[in-house]
Amino acid sequence: MIRFLFLITLAFFINCGPSSGEFGWATTQDENKSILERELYMVTDFKMTRVNLIFSPSDTIHYIYTFSRNPGEGAEFVVTLEKESMGFVEIDLKKKTLEAETNSLKDRFIRLSPGKYRLQVAFEEEVIDSIEFDVLPEEGYSVESPNIDKGEEEKDDIIKYSR
């Protein structure tokens, strides 16, 4: 009987709170769009990944965070964006409510300055997931650059440390 109660209690604690999930990313160029177009435009196609997250300062960066299992209807989360500057410094903090139809959190960041960033998702003051990404200067390294000389790569600190 004691073993049975222990297993039930253990299962309860394992299933409490939200599980971690997956990050998805999309970018748009919103410079020539009106405010109304920007607000009404809905991104629906996200690339689910945690690697090679490099963006441009001119990008509007859209993210989605989908949970592996439903954390509960109406659950509130805190999403923080931090920028590295002598350690990570919080630059944005938002309370987000789970979107019931997609079981996810969505938002965007507009015109981030070059640097290294960390995005964290927290529930009840506990970080459940985080991810880091880079915003490189317009004239910096591009993922699409086909011919990169390894010697030049070692001289360029941005390229060397962005991998």
N, C-alpha and C. Protein backbone atom coordinates (compact mmCIF):
# COMPACT_ATOMS: atom_id res chain seq x y z
N MET A 1 0.83 -1.19 0.00
CA MET A 1 0.00 0.00 0.00
C MET A 1 0.88 1.27 0.00
N ILE A 2 1.92 1.24 0.81
CA ILE A 2 2.82 2.40 0.89
C ILE A 2 3.51 2.61 -0.46
N ARG A 3 3.92 1.52 -1.09
CA ARG A 3 4.56 1.60 -2.40
C ARG A 3 3.61 2.23 -3.42
N PHE A 4 2.34 1.85 -3.39
CA PHE A 4 1.33 2.39 -4.30
C PHE A 4 1.16 3.89 -4.10
N LEU A 5 1.08 4.33 -2.83
CA LEU A 5 0.95 5.77 -2.54
C LEU A 5 2.18 6.53 -2.99
N PHE A 6 3.36 5.93 -2.80
CA PHE A 6 4.58 6.58 -3.24
C PHE A 6 4.58 6.77 -4.76
N LEU A 7 4.18 5.75 -5.51
CA LEU A 7 4.14 5.84 -6.96
C LEU A 7 3.14 6.90 -7.44
N ILE A 8 1.99 6.98 -6.80
CA ILE A 8 1.00 7.99 -7.16
C ILE A 8 1.54 9.39 -6.87
N THR A 9 2.17 9.57 -5.73
CA THR A 9 2.77 10.87 -5.37
C THR A 9 3.88 11.23 -6.35
N LEU A 10 4.71 10.28 -6.70
CA LEU A 10 5.79 10.52 -7.65
C LEU A 10 5.23 10.92 -9.01
N ALA A 11 4.22 10.22 -9.47
CA ALA A 11 3.59 10.56 -10.76
C ALA A 11 2.99 11.95 -10.72
N PHE A 12 2.41 12.34 -9.60
CA PHE A 12 1.83 13.67 -9.46
C PHE A 12 2.90 14.74 -9.58
N PHE A 13 4.03 14.55 -8.91
CA PHE A 13 5.09 15.56 -8.97
C PHE A 13 5.77 15.61 -10.34
N ILE A 14 5.88 14.49 -10.99
CA ILE A 14 6.48 14.48 -12.32
C ILE A 14 5.60 15.23 -13.30
N ASN A 15 4.28 15.11 -13.19
CA ASN A 15 3.36 15.73 -14.13
C ASN A 15 2.96 17.14 -13.74
N CYS A 16 3.41 17.65 -12.61
CA CYS A 16 3.08 19.01 -12.19
C CYS A 16 3.86 20.01 -13.04
N GLY A 17 3.22 21.10 -13.38
CA GLY A 17 3.88 22.16 -14.11
C GLY A 17 4.08 21.80 -15.56
N PRO A 18 4.45 22.79 -16.33
CA PRO A 18 4.62 22.58 -17.76
C PRO A 18 5.91 21.85 -18.09
N SER A 19 5.87 21.13 -19.18
CA SER A 19 7.08 20.47 -19.66
C SER A 19 7.81 21.43 -20.59
N SER A 20 9.04 21.09 -20.89
CA SER A 20 9.76 21.92 -21.85
C SER A 20 9.21 21.63 -23.24
N GLY A 21 9.66 22.38 -24.21
CA GLY A 21 9.11 22.22 -25.56
C GLY A 21 10.14 22.55 -26.61
N GLU A 22 9.65 23.08 -27.73
CA GLU A 22 10.50 23.40 -28.87
C GLU A 22 10.33 24.86 -29.27
N PHE A 23 11.44 25.46 -29.71
CA PHE A 23 11.41 26.82 -30.24
C PHE A 23 11.32 26.76 -31.75
N GLY A 24 10.53 27.66 -32.32
CA GLY A 24 10.44 27.81 -33.76
C GLY A 24 10.70 29.26 -34.12
N TRP A 25 11.23 29.50 -35.31
CA TRP A 25 11.67 30.84 -35.71
C TRP A 25 11.21 31.18 -37.12
N ALA A 26 10.93 32.45 -37.34
CA ALA A 26 10.63 32.99 -38.66
C ALA A 26 11.07 34.45 -38.65
N THR A 27 11.42 34.97 -39.82
CA THR A 27 11.79 36.38 -39.92
C THR A 27 10.98 37.04 -41.02
N THR A 28 10.73 38.32 -40.83
CA THR A 28 10.06 39.12 -41.85
C THR A 28 10.79 40.45 -41.97
N GLN A 29 10.62 41.09 -43.10
CA GLN A 29 11.16 42.43 -43.33
C GLN A 29 9.98 43.39 -43.29
N ASP A 30 9.86 44.16 -42.23
CA ASP A 30 8.69 45.00 -42.01
C ASP A 30 8.94 46.49 -42.26
N GLU A 31 10.09 46.84 -42.82
CA GLU A 31 10.44 48.26 -42.97
C GLU A 31 9.44 49.04 -43.83
N ASN A 32 8.96 48.45 -44.90
CA ASN A 32 8.08 49.18 -45.82
C ASN A 32 6.59 48.89 -45.58
N LYS A 33 6.27 48.28 -44.48
CA LYS A 33 4.87 47.96 -44.19
C LYS A 33 4.29 49.02 -43.25
N SER A 34 3.00 49.26 -43.40
CA SER A 34 2.32 50.19 -42.49
C SER A 34 2.12 49.51 -41.14
N ILE A 35 1.80 50.29 -40.14
CA ILE A 35 1.56 49.75 -38.80
C ILE A 35 0.43 48.73 -38.84
N LEU A 36 -0.62 49.03 -39.59
CA LEU A 36 -1.75 48.12 -39.70
C LEU A 36 -1.33 46.80 -40.34
N GLU A 37 -0.53 46.86 -41.40
CA GLU A 37 -0.06 45.63 -42.04
C GLU A 37 0.80 44.80 -41.09
N ARG A 38 1.66 45.46 -40.33
CA ARG A 38 2.51 44.75 -39.38
C ARG A 38 1.70 44.06 -38.30
N GLU A 39 0.67 44.74 -37.81
CA GLU A 39 -0.14 44.17 -36.73
C GLU A 39 -1.04 43.04 -37.21
N LEU A 40 -1.53 43.12 -38.45
CA LEU A 40 -2.45 42.11 -38.95
C LEU A 40 -1.76 40.91 -39.59
N TYR A 41 -0.50 41.07 -39.96
CA TYR A 41 0.23 39.97 -40.59
C TYR A 41 0.47 38.87 -39.57
N MET A 42 0.11 37.65 -39.94
CA MET A 42 0.28 36.53 -39.02
C MET A 42 1.25 35.51 -39.62
N VAL A 43 2.34 35.26 -38.94
CA VAL A 43 3.31 34.26 -39.38
C VAL A 43 2.77 32.89 -38.99
N THR A 44 2.75 31.98 -39.96
CA THR A 44 2.24 30.63 -39.69
C THR A 44 3.28 29.55 -39.94
N ASP A 45 4.37 29.89 -40.61
CA ASP A 45 5.38 28.90 -40.95
C ASP A 45 6.65 29.18 -40.16
N PHE A 46 6.92 28.35 -39.16
CA PHE A 46 8.10 28.50 -38.31
C PHE A 46 9.05 27.33 -38.54
N LYS A 47 10.34 27.61 -38.48
CA LYS A 47 11.35 26.55 -38.55
C LYS A 47 11.71 26.17 -37.12
N MET A 48 11.42 24.92 -36.76
CA MET A 48 11.68 24.45 -35.41
C MET A 48 13.15 24.04 -35.31
N THR A 49 13.93 24.83 -34.57
CA THR A 49 15.37 24.54 -34.44
C THR A 49 15.95 25.24 -33.22
N ARG A 50 17.09 24.72 -32.79
CA ARG A 50 17.86 25.32 -31.70
C ARG A 50 19.29 25.64 -32.13
N VAL A 51 19.63 25.38 -33.39
CA VAL A 51 21.00 25.56 -33.87
C VAL A 51 21.06 26.60 -34.98
N ASN A 52 22.24 27.19 -35.16
CA ASN A 52 22.49 28.18 -36.22
C ASN A 52 21.47 29.31 -36.20
N LEU A 53 21.25 29.88 -35.04
CA LEU A 53 20.29 30.98 -34.90
C LEU A 53 21.03 32.30 -35.05
N ILE A 54 21.08 32.78 -36.28
CA ILE A 54 21.75 34.03 -36.61
C ILE A 54 20.77 34.90 -37.37
N PHE A 55 20.59 36.13 -36.88
CA PHE A 55 19.62 37.03 -37.48
C PHE A 55 20.29 38.36 -37.83
N SER A 56 19.59 39.15 -38.63
CA SER A 56 20.05 40.47 -39.04
C SER A 56 19.34 41.53 -38.19
N PRO A 57 19.98 42.68 -37.97
CA PRO A 57 19.31 43.76 -37.22
C PRO A 57 18.06 44.28 -37.92
N SER A 58 17.96 44.10 -39.24
CA SER A 58 16.78 44.58 -39.95
C SER A 58 15.62 43.59 -39.91
N ASP A 59 15.87 42.37 -39.40
CA ASP A 59 14.82 41.35 -39.33
C ASP A 59 13.84 41.65 -38.19
N THR A 60 12.58 41.34 -38.43
CA THR A 60 11.63 41.19 -37.33
C THR A 60 11.65 39.71 -37.02
N ILE A 61 12.06 39.36 -35.81
CA ILE A 61 12.25 37.96 -35.43
C ILE A 61 10.98 37.48 -34.73
N HIS A 62 10.33 36.49 -35.33
CA HIS A 62 9.13 35.90 -34.75
C HIS A 62 9.53 34.56 -34.13
N TYR A 63 9.02 34.28 -32.93
CA TYR A 63 9.30 32.98 -32.33
C TYR A 63 7.99 32.34 -31.89
N ILE A 64 8.03 31.03 -31.79
CA ILE A 64 6.94 30.26 -31.22
C ILE A 64 7.57 29.26 -30.27
N TYR A 65 6.95 29.04 -29.15
CA TYR A 65 7.42 28.02 -28.21
C TYR A 65 6.26 27.06 -28.00
N THR A 66 6.41 25.84 -28.49
CA THR A 66 5.35 24.84 -28.36
C THR A 66 5.73 23.85 -27.27
N PHE A 67 4.76 23.53 -26.45
CA PHE A 67 4.98 22.61 -25.33
C PHE A 67 4.78 21.18 -25.78
N SER A 68 5.56 20.27 -25.19
CA SER A 68 5.43 18.86 -25.55
C SER A 68 4.13 18.26 -25.02
N ARG A 69 3.61 18.82 -23.93
CA ARG A 69 2.28 18.43 -23.44
C ARG A 69 1.59 19.67 -22.90
N ASN A 70 0.29 19.64 -22.85
CA ASN A 70 -0.50 20.81 -22.46
C ASN A 70 -0.25 21.18 -21.00
N PRO A 71 0.24 22.38 -20.72
CA PRO A 71 0.50 22.80 -19.34
C PRO A 71 -0.75 23.27 -18.59
N GLY A 72 -1.88 23.30 -19.26
CA GLY A 72 -3.12 23.72 -18.61
C GLY A 72 -3.65 25.00 -19.22
N GLU A 73 -4.94 25.04 -19.38
CA GLU A 73 -5.58 26.19 -20.01
C GLU A 73 -5.42 27.45 -19.16
N GLY A 74 -5.05 28.54 -19.79
CA GLY A 74 -4.91 29.81 -19.09
C GLY A 74 -3.63 29.95 -18.29
N ALA A 75 -2.70 29.02 -18.45
CA ALA A 75 -1.43 29.11 -17.72
C ALA A 75 -0.68 30.36 -18.15
N GLU A 76 -0.10 31.07 -17.18
CA GLU A 76 0.67 32.27 -17.46
C GLU A 76 2.16 31.99 -17.36
N PHE A 77 2.90 32.53 -18.31
CA PHE A 77 4.34 32.35 -18.37
C PHE A 77 5.01 33.71 -18.43
N VAL A 78 6.27 33.74 -18.05
CA VAL A 78 7.06 34.95 -18.19
C VAL A 78 8.15 34.65 -19.21
N VAL A 79 8.24 35.49 -20.23
CA VAL A 79 9.25 35.33 -21.27
C VAL A 79 10.20 36.52 -21.16
N THR A 80 11.49 36.23 -20.99
CA THR A 80 12.47 37.30 -20.87
C THR A 80 13.46 37.22 -22.03
N LEU A 81 13.87 38.39 -22.48
CA LEU A 81 14.93 38.50 -23.48
C LEU A 81 16.09 39.20 -22.80
N GLU A 82 17.25 38.57 -22.86
CA GLU A 82 18.45 39.13 -22.24
C GLU A 82 19.51 39.32 -23.31
N LYS A 83 20.31 40.37 -23.16
CA LYS A 83 21.41 40.64 -24.08
C LYS A 83 22.72 40.53 -23.30
N GLU A 84 23.72 39.92 -23.94
CA GLU A 84 25.01 39.76 -23.28
C GLU A 84 25.76 41.07 -23.28
N SER A 85 26.12 41.50 -22.08
CA SER A 85 26.91 42.70 -21.88
C SER A 85 27.48 42.60 -20.48
N MET A 86 28.70 42.04 -20.38
CA MET A 86 29.29 41.75 -19.07
C MET A 86 28.36 40.80 -18.31
N GLY A 87 27.98 39.72 -18.94
CA GLY A 87 26.96 38.81 -18.44
C GLY A 87 25.66 39.16 -19.16
N PHE A 88 24.63 38.39 -18.92
CA PHE A 88 23.36 38.66 -19.58
C PHE A 88 22.55 39.66 -18.77
N VAL A 89 22.01 40.67 -19.47
CA VAL A 89 21.22 41.73 -18.86
C VAL A 89 19.82 41.69 -19.46
N GLU A 90 18.82 41.69 -18.61
CA GLU A 90 17.43 41.62 -19.07
C GLU A 90 17.04 42.91 -19.79
N ILE A 91 16.54 42.76 -21.03
CA ILE A 91 16.12 43.94 -21.79
C ILE A 91 14.63 43.93 -22.11
N ASP A 92 13.98 42.78 -21.95
CA ASP A 92 12.55 42.69 -22.23
C ASP A 92 11.94 41.60 -21.34
N LEU A 93 10.78 41.89 -20.79
CA LEU A 93 10.08 40.95 -19.91
C LEU A 93 8.60 41.05 -20.23
N LYS A 94 7.98 39.92 -20.57
CA LYS A 94 6.56 39.92 -20.91
C LYS A 94 5.86 38.75 -20.24
N LYS A 95 4.65 39.02 -19.77
CA LYS A 95 3.77 37.95 -19.30
C LYS A 95 2.98 37.46 -20.49
N LYS A 96 3.00 36.16 -20.72
CA LYS A 96 2.31 35.57 -21.86
C LYS A 96 1.36 34.49 -21.36
N THR A 97 0.20 34.43 -22.01
CA THR A 97 -0.78 33.38 -21.72
C THR A 97 -0.74 32.37 -22.86
N LEU A 98 -0.86 31.12 -22.51
CA LEU A 98 -0.83 30.05 -23.48
C LEU A 98 -1.96 30.20 -24.49
N GLU A 99 -1.63 30.09 -25.78
CA GLU A 99 -2.65 30.10 -26.83
C GLU A 99 -3.25 28.70 -26.89
N ALA A 100 -4.53 28.59 -26.54
CA ALA A 100 -5.17 27.28 -26.40
C ALA A 100 -5.19 26.49 -27.70
N GLU A 101 -5.47 27.15 -28.82
CA GLU A 101 -5.60 26.42 -30.08
C GLU A 101 -4.29 25.85 -30.59
N THR A 102 -3.15 26.46 -30.24
CA THR A 102 -1.86 25.97 -30.72
C THR A 102 -0.98 25.39 -29.62
N ASN A 103 -1.42 25.50 -28.36
CA ASN A 103 -0.65 25.01 -27.22
C ASN A 103 0.76 25.61 -27.22
N SER A 104 0.82 26.94 -27.47
CA SER A 104 2.12 27.59 -27.63
C SER A 104 2.11 29.04 -27.16
N LEU A 105 3.31 29.60 -27.11
CA LEU A 105 3.52 31.02 -26.85
C LEU A 105 4.12 31.62 -28.12
N LYS A 106 3.65 32.79 -28.53
CA LYS A 106 4.18 33.45 -29.73
C LYS A 106 4.46 34.91 -29.43
N ASP A 107 5.48 35.44 -30.11
CA ASP A 107 5.77 36.86 -30.01
C ASP A 107 6.80 37.20 -31.08
N ARG A 108 7.26 38.46 -31.05
CA ARG A 108 8.25 38.92 -32.02
C ARG A 108 9.13 39.98 -31.38
N PHE A 109 10.30 40.16 -32.00
CA PHE A 109 11.23 41.20 -31.60
C PHE A 109 11.55 42.01 -32.84
N ILE A 110 11.46 43.32 -32.73
CA ILE A 110 11.66 44.20 -33.87
C ILE A 110 12.98 44.93 -33.74
N ARG A 111 13.79 44.84 -34.79
CA ARG A 111 15.04 45.59 -34.93
C ARG A 111 15.94 45.51 -33.69
N LEU A 112 16.37 44.31 -33.36
CA LEU A 112 17.32 44.13 -32.27
C LEU A 112 18.70 44.59 -32.73
N SER A 113 19.45 45.20 -31.84
CA SER A 113 20.81 45.63 -32.19
C SER A 113 21.74 44.42 -32.19
N PRO A 114 22.87 44.50 -32.90
CA PRO A 114 23.80 43.37 -32.94
C PRO A 114 24.25 42.96 -31.55
N GLY A 115 24.38 41.65 -31.35
CA GLY A 115 24.83 41.11 -30.07
C GLY A 115 24.36 39.69 -29.88
N LYS A 116 24.68 39.14 -28.73
CA LYS A 116 24.27 37.79 -28.35
C LYS A 116 23.09 37.91 -27.39
N TYR A 117 22.04 37.13 -27.64
CA TYR A 117 20.81 37.20 -26.85
C TYR A 117 20.45 35.84 -26.27
N ARG A 118 19.71 35.88 -25.16
CA ARG A 118 19.16 34.66 -24.57
C ARG A 118 17.68 34.89 -24.32
N LEU A 119 16.87 33.95 -24.78
CA LEU A 119 15.42 33.99 -24.59
C LEU A 119 15.07 32.90 -23.58
N GLN A 120 14.34 33.28 -22.52
CA GLN A 120 13.98 32.32 -21.48
C GLN A 120 12.47 32.28 -21.29
N VAL A 121 11.96 31.06 -21.06
CA VAL A 121 10.55 30.85 -20.74
C VAL A 121 10.49 30.35 -19.31
N ALA A 122 9.70 31.04 -18.48
CA ALA A 122 9.61 30.68 -17.07
C ALA A 122 8.15 30.46 -16.67
N PHE A 123 7.95 29.57 -15.71
CA PHE A 123 6.63 29.29 -15.14
C PHE A 123 6.79 29.31 -13.63
N GLU A 124 5.99 30.13 -12.98
CA GLU A 124 6.03 30.26 -11.52
C GLU A 124 7.46 30.49 -11.02
N GLU A 125 8.13 31.47 -11.62
CA GLU A 125 9.47 31.91 -11.25
C GLU A 125 10.57 30.88 -11.47
N GLU A 126 10.30 29.83 -12.23
CA GLU A 126 11.30 28.82 -12.54
C GLU A 126 11.47 28.73 -14.05
N VAL A 127 12.71 28.89 -14.51
CA VAL A 127 12.99 28.82 -15.95
C VAL A 127 12.81 27.37 -16.40
N ILE A 128 11.93 27.18 -17.40
CA ILE A 128 11.70 25.82 -17.91
C ILE A 128 12.47 25.57 -19.21
N ASP A 129 12.86 26.63 -19.90
CA ASP A 129 13.63 26.47 -21.13
C ASP A 129 14.29 27.79 -21.50
N SER A 130 15.41 27.70 -22.19
CA SER A 130 16.08 28.91 -22.68
C SER A 130 16.86 28.56 -23.94
N ILE A 131 17.15 29.59 -24.72
CA ILE A 131 17.88 29.40 -25.97
C ILE A 131 18.67 30.68 -26.25
N GLU A 132 19.81 30.53 -26.88
CA GLU A 132 20.64 31.69 -27.24
C GLU A 132 20.66 31.85 -28.75
N PHE A 133 20.75 33.11 -29.19
CA PHE A 133 20.86 33.42 -30.61
C PHE A 133 21.68 34.68 -30.79
N ASP A 134 22.13 34.89 -32.02
CA ASP A 134 22.97 36.04 -32.34
C ASP A 134 22.29 36.94 -33.35
N VAL A 135 22.50 38.24 -33.20
CA VAL A 135 22.13 39.22 -34.20
C VAL A 135 23.44 39.85 -34.65
N LEU A 136 23.78 39.61 -35.92
CA LEU A 136 25.05 40.09 -36.45
C LEU A 136 24.83 41.36 -37.26
N PRO A 137 25.83 42.23 -37.34
CA PRO A 137 25.70 43.45 -38.14
C PRO A 137 25.40 43.13 -39.60
N GLU A 138 24.75 44.06 -40.28
CA GLU A 138 24.39 43.87 -41.69
C GLU A 138 25.59 43.48 -42.54
N GLU A 139 26.73 44.10 -42.27
CA GLU A 139 27.92 43.82 -43.07
C GLU A 139 28.69 42.62 -42.55
N GLY A 140 28.18 41.94 -41.55
CA GLY A 140 28.86 40.79 -40.94
C GLY A 140 28.68 39.50 -41.71
N TYR A 141 29.01 38.44 -41.07
CA TYR A 141 28.94 37.10 -41.64
C TYR A 141 27.51 36.74 -42.02
N SER A 142 27.37 36.09 -43.17
CA SER A 142 26.06 35.63 -43.64
C SER A 142 26.11 34.13 -43.80
N VAL A 143 25.09 33.43 -43.37
CA VAL A 143 25.03 31.98 -43.49
C VAL A 143 25.07 31.57 -44.96
N GLU A 144 24.56 32.43 -45.83
CA GLU A 144 24.51 32.12 -47.25
C GLU A 144 25.84 32.33 -47.96
N SER A 145 26.84 32.89 -47.29
CA SER A 145 28.13 33.16 -47.93
C SER A 145 28.79 31.85 -48.34
N PRO A 146 28.90 31.57 -49.67
CA PRO A 146 29.42 30.28 -50.11
C PRO A 146 30.93 30.14 -50.02
N ASN A 147 31.67 31.21 -50.23
CA ASN A 147 33.13 31.13 -50.26
C ASN A 147 33.73 31.92 -49.11
N ILE A 148 33.98 31.23 -48.02
CA ILE A 148 34.61 31.89 -46.87
C ILE A 148 35.99 31.29 -46.70
N ASP A 149 37.00 32.14 -46.78
CA ASP A 149 38.37 31.72 -46.61
C ASP A 149 38.62 31.44 -45.14
N LYS A 150 39.15 30.26 -44.81
CA LYS A 150 39.39 29.88 -43.42
C LYS A 150 40.36 30.84 -42.73
N GLY A 151 41.34 31.36 -43.45
CA GLY A 151 42.28 32.31 -42.87
C GLY A 151 41.59 33.60 -42.48
N GLU A 152 40.72 34.08 -43.36
CA GLU A 152 39.93 35.29 -43.07
C GLU A 152 38.98 35.05 -41.91
N GLU A 153 38.44 33.82 -41.85
CA GLU A 153 37.48 33.47 -40.82
C GLU A 153 38.13 33.58 -39.44
N GLU A 154 39.37 33.13 -39.30
CA GLU A 154 40.06 33.17 -38.02
C GLU A 154 40.39 34.60 -37.58
N LYS A 155 40.56 35.53 -38.55
CA LYS A 155 40.85 36.92 -38.22
C LYS A 155 39.61 37.67 -37.77
N ASP A 156 38.45 37.27 -38.26
CA ASP A 156 37.19 37.95 -37.95
C ASP A 156 36.59 37.37 -36.68
N ASP A 157 36.61 38.16 -35.58
CA ASP A 157 36.11 37.68 -34.29
C ASP A 157 34.63 37.32 -34.32
N ILE A 158 33.85 38.05 -35.08
CA ILE A 158 32.41 37.77 -35.14
C ILE A 158 32.18 36.38 -35.71
N ILE A 159 32.86 36.06 -36.80
CA ILE A 159 32.69 34.74 -37.41
C ILE A 159 33.24 33.67 -36.48
N LYS A 160 34.41 33.92 -35.92
CA LYS A 160 35.06 32.92 -35.08
C LYS A 160 34.21 32.56 -33.86
N TYR A 161 33.58 33.53 -33.22
CA TYR A 161 32.83 33.27 -32.00
C TYR A 161 31.35 33.04 -32.22
N SER A 162 30.87 33.14 -33.46
CA SER A 162 29.45 32.92 -33.70
C SER A 162 29.14 31.46 -34.00
N ARG A 163 30.11 30.61 -34.00
CA ARG A 163 29.88 29.18 -34.28
C ARG A 163 29.83 28.39 -33.02
